[in-house]
Amino acid sequence: MVNDKESLSNLRIEGSKTDKRKQSLYFPESMLQEIKEEAARLDRSLSWVVQRAWKISRLEIKKLPSVNEVEGGEDDDEG
């Protein structure tokens, strides 16, 4: 089941099993709701879903140009 300690407005995850510091990640409300629904459907935590999403998409993300490589340098929100 989804852990009740995971907030609606942010998600805290551990950097690694040995690193106990936590990091807050902020998502648009609609995106967070989708992640929560998938976590519930999969009977997994929000952290697990985000970590799997990163593992699946990281090679594609690494193909994106850096801000210094793009004219204008603005983030391009697609959703």
C-alpha atoms as a PDB file:
ATOM      1  CA  MET A   1       0.000   0.000   0.000  1.00  0.00           C
ATOM      2  CA  VAL A   2       1.036   3.638  -0.467  1.00  0.00           C
ATOM      3  CA  ASN A   3       2.821   4.965   2.613  1.00  0.00           C
ATOM      4  CA  ASP A   4       0.657   7.535   4.451  1.00  0.00           C
ATOM      5  CA  LYS A   5       3.748   9.537   5.414  1.00  0.00           C
ATOM      6  CA  GLU A   6       4.254  10.621   1.805  1.00  0.00           C
ATOM      7  CA  SER A   7       2.902  14.138   1.479  1.00  0.00           C
ATOM      8  CA  LEU A   8       0.518  15.476  -1.153  1.00  0.00           C
ATOM      9  CA  SER A   9       2.797  18.440  -1.872  1.00  0.00           C
ATOM     10  CA  ASN A  10       6.206  16.789  -1.932  1.00  0.00           C
ATOM     11  CA  LEU A  11       7.954  13.444  -1.966  1.00  0.00           C
ATOM     12  CA  ARG A  12      10.929  12.592   0.226  1.00  0.00           C
ATOM     13  CA  ILE A  13      13.258   9.864  -0.967  1.00  0.00           C
ATOM     14  CA  GLU A  14      16.507   8.394   0.281  1.00  0.00           C
ATOM     15  CA  GLY A  15      19.553   8.949  -1.927  1.00  0.00           C
ATOM     16  CA  SER A  16      20.817   5.448  -1.235  1.00  0.00           C
ATOM     17  CA  LYS A  17      20.651   2.714   1.379  1.00  0.00           C
ATOM     18  CA  THR A  18      23.729   4.128   3.152  1.00  0.00           C
ATOM     19  CA  ASP A  19      22.881   7.819   2.756  1.00  0.00           C
ATOM     20  CA  LYS A  20      20.105   8.701   5.196  1.00  0.00           C
ATOM     21  CA  ARG A  21      19.704  12.323   4.034  1.00  0.00           C
ATOM     22  CA  LYS A  22      16.370  13.020   2.377  1.00  0.00           C
ATOM     23  CA  GLN A  23      15.571  15.181  -0.613  1.00  0.00           C
ATOM     24  CA  SER A  24      12.294  16.957  -1.296  1.00  0.00           C
ATOM     25  CA  LEU A  25      11.002  16.763  -4.837  1.00  0.00           C
ATOM     26  CA  TYR A  26       8.153  19.015  -5.915  1.00  0.00           C
ATOM     27  CA  PHE A  27       5.677  17.997  -8.608  1.00  0.00           C
ATOM     28  CA  PRO A  28       2.707  19.770 -10.159  1.00  0.00           C
ATOM     29  CA  GLU A  29      -0.423  18.614  -8.355  1.00  0.00           C
ATOM     30  CA  SER A  30      -1.826  16.801 -11.414  1.00  0.00           C
ATOM     31  CA  MET A  31       1.434  14.901 -11.974  1.00  0.00           C
ATOM     32  CA  LEU A  32       1.652  13.937  -8.316  1.00  0.00           C
ATOM     33  CA  GLN A  33      -1.938  12.678  -8.442  1.00  0.00           C
ATOM     34  CA  GLU A  34      -1.091  10.461 -11.435  1.00  0.00           C
ATOM     35  CA  ILE A  35       1.964   9.093  -9.636  1.00  0.00           C
ATOM     36  CA  LYS A  36      -0.139   8.378  -6.541  1.00  0.00           C
ATOM     37  CA  GLU A  37      -2.771   6.565  -8.626  1.00  0.00           C
ATOM     38  CA  GLU A  38      -0.123   4.397 -10.280  1.00  0.00           C
ATOM     39  CA  ALA A  39       1.504   3.694  -6.906  1.00  0.00           C
ATOM     40  CA  ALA A  40      -1.863   2.542  -5.545  1.00  0.00           C
ATOM     41  CA  ARG A  41      -2.562   0.445  -8.638  1.00  0.00           C
ATOM     42  CA  LEU A  42       0.850  -1.228  -8.356  1.00  0.00           C
ATOM     43  CA  ASP A  43       0.642  -1.467  -4.544  1.00  0.00           C
ATOM     44  CA  ARG A  44       4.012   0.321  -4.368  1.00  0.00           C
ATOM     45  CA  SER A  45       5.301   3.508  -2.726  1.00  0.00           C
ATOM     46  CA  LEU A  46       5.552   6.857  -4.480  1.00  0.00           C
ATOM     47  CA  SER A  47       9.323   6.587  -4.134  1.00  0.00           C
ATOM     48  CA  TRP A  48       9.362   3.227  -5.900  1.00  0.00           C
ATOM     49  CA  VAL A  49       7.327   4.572  -8.830  1.00  0.00           C
ATOM     50  CA  VAL A  50       9.567   7.641  -9.233  1.00  0.00           C
ATOM     51  CA  GLN A  51      12.740   5.524  -8.991  1.00  0.00           C
ATOM     52  CA  ARG A  52      11.441   3.090 -11.632  1.00  0.00           C
ATOM     53  CA  ALA A  53      10.426   5.995 -13.870  1.00  0.00           C
ATOM     54  CA  TRP A  54      13.946   7.402 -13.611  1.00  0.00           C
ATOM     55  CA  LYS A  55      15.558   4.027 -14.402  1.00  0.00           C
ATOM     56  CA  ILE A  56      13.308   3.585 -17.424  1.00  0.00           C
ATOM     57  CA  SER A  57      13.749   7.115 -18.782  1.00  0.00           C
ATOM     58  CA  ARG A  58      17.282   8.159 -17.810  1.00  0.00           C
ATOM     59  CA  LEU A  59      18.879   7.296 -21.164  1.00  0.00           C
ATOM     60  CA  GLU A  60      16.280   9.432 -22.957  1.00  0.00           C
ATOM     61  CA  ILE A  61      16.760  12.272 -20.487  1.00  0.00           C
ATOM     62  CA  LYS A  62      20.538  12.169 -20.994  1.00  0.00           C
ATOM     63  CA  LYS A  63      19.916  12.805 -24.721  1.00  0.00           C
ATOM     64  CA  LEU A  64      18.271  16.171 -23.963  1.00  0.00           C
ATOM     65  CA  PRO A  65      20.452  19.236 -24.581  1.00  0.00           C
ATOM     66  CA  SER A  66      21.641  21.171 -21.560  1.00  0.00           C
ATOM     67  CA  VAL A  67      20.389  24.703 -20.913  1.00  0.00           C
ATOM     68  CA  ASN A  68      23.663  26.042 -22.307  1.00  0.00           C
ATOM     69  CA  GLU A  69      23.094  24.167 -25.572  1.00  0.00           C
ATOM     70  CA  VAL A  70      19.570  25.478 -26.213  1.00  0.00           C
ATOM     71  CA  GLU A  71      18.891  28.954 -27.570  1.00  0.00           C
ATOM     72  CA  GLY A  72      16.885  30.867 -24.984  1.00  0.00           C
ATOM     73  CA  GLY A  73      17.664  28.454 -22.137  1.00  0.00           C
ATOM     74  CA  GLU A  74      14.081  28.210 -20.883  1.00  0.00           C
ATOM     75  CA  ASP A  75      12.569  24.967 -19.552  1.00  0.00           C
ATOM     76  CA  ASP A  76      10.032  23.520 -21.964  1.00  0.00           C
ATOM     77  CA  ASP A  77       7.026  22.197 -20.018  1.00  0.00           C
ATOM     78  CA  GLU A  78       5.105  19.707 -22.105  1.00  0.00           C
ATOM     79  CA  GLY A  79       2.341  18.942 -19.678  1.00  0.00           C
END
